[in-house]
Amino acid sequence: MARRKGIMSEQLKYEIAHELGVDHIVATEGWGAVTSRDCGNMVRKAIELAEKSISYQNNRNHQ
């Protein structure tokens, strides 16, 4: 089965991993070694950032 291209940039994934303290795992063992819980936390953080970005853009457009 073909893998879908990710929506998040690699840079964003690394920034979030660093913020959550799992960047050392990615650097030494790769993304496959990151726990499901940490992946879920990364997704939650990415959604939070996206929502903030959308809110900021909407506020700028309505001023």
Protein backbone atom coordinates (compact mmCIF):
# COMPACT_ATOMS: atom_id res chain seq x y z
CA MET A 1 0.00 0.00 0.00
CA ALA A 2 1.37 3.43 -0.92
CA ARG A 3 2.06 5.92 1.84
CA ARG A 4 0.44 9.30 1.69
CA LYS A 5 2.66 12.35 1.62
CA GLY A 6 2.67 14.00 5.03
CA ILE A 7 1.00 17.33 5.57
CA MET A 8 3.48 18.53 8.18
CA SER A 9 6.88 19.64 6.97
CA GLU A 10 9.90 17.77 8.25
CA GLN A 11 11.08 21.00 9.89
CA LEU A 12 7.82 21.36 11.81
CA LYS A 13 7.97 17.72 12.94
CA TYR A 14 11.50 18.20 14.25
CA GLU A 15 10.57 21.46 16.00
CA ILE A 16 7.62 19.80 17.74
CA ALA A 17 9.73 16.75 18.63
CA HIS A 18 12.33 19.08 20.16
CA GLU A 19 9.68 20.99 22.10
CA LEU A 20 8.28 17.73 23.50
CA GLY A 21 11.74 16.34 24.28
CA VAL A 22 11.73 13.39 21.90
CA ASP A 23 14.14 14.81 19.32
CA HIS A 24 16.98 12.72 20.76
CA ILE A 25 15.00 9.55 20.00
CA VAL A 26 14.41 10.67 16.42
CA ALA A 27 18.08 11.56 16.00
CA THR A 28 19.41 8.27 17.33
CA GLU A 29 16.74 5.73 16.41
CA GLY A 30 14.47 7.37 13.83
CA TRP A 31 10.77 8.20 13.79
CA GLY A 32 9.79 4.55 14.18
CA ALA A 33 11.14 4.51 17.73
CA VAL A 34 8.91 7.35 18.92
CA THR A 35 6.13 5.97 21.11
CA SER A 36 2.49 6.14 20.09
CA ARG A 37 1.82 8.41 23.04
CA ASP A 38 4.54 10.84 21.94
CA CYS A 39 3.26 10.74 18.35
CA GLY A 40 -0.21 11.57 19.65
CA ASN A 41 1.22 14.45 21.64
CA MET A 42 2.99 15.69 18.51
CA VAL A 43 -0.28 15.58 16.55
CA ARG A 44 -2.09 17.39 19.35
CA LYS A 45 0.59 20.11 19.35
CA ALA A 46 0.46 20.42 15.53
CA ILE A 47 -3.33 20.85 15.66
CA GLU A 48 -2.96 23.48 18.37
CA LEU A 49 -0.44 25.39 16.24
CA ALA A 50 -2.68 25.14 13.16
CA GLU A 51 -5.71 26.41 15.08
CA LYS A 52 -3.71 29.36 16.42
CA SER A 53 -2.48 30.15 12.92
CA ILE A 54 -6.00 30.06 11.48
CA SER A 55 -7.32 32.21 14.32
CA TYR A 56 -4.52 34.74 13.79
CA GLN A 57 -5.20 34.87 10.04
CA ASN A 58 -8.95 35.32 10.60
CA ASN A 59 -8.33 38.13 13.07
CA ARG A 60 -6.01 39.90 10.63
CA ASN A 61 -8.54 39.59 7.81
CA HIS A 62 -11.35 41.08 9.90
CA GLN A 63 -9.49 44.17 11.09
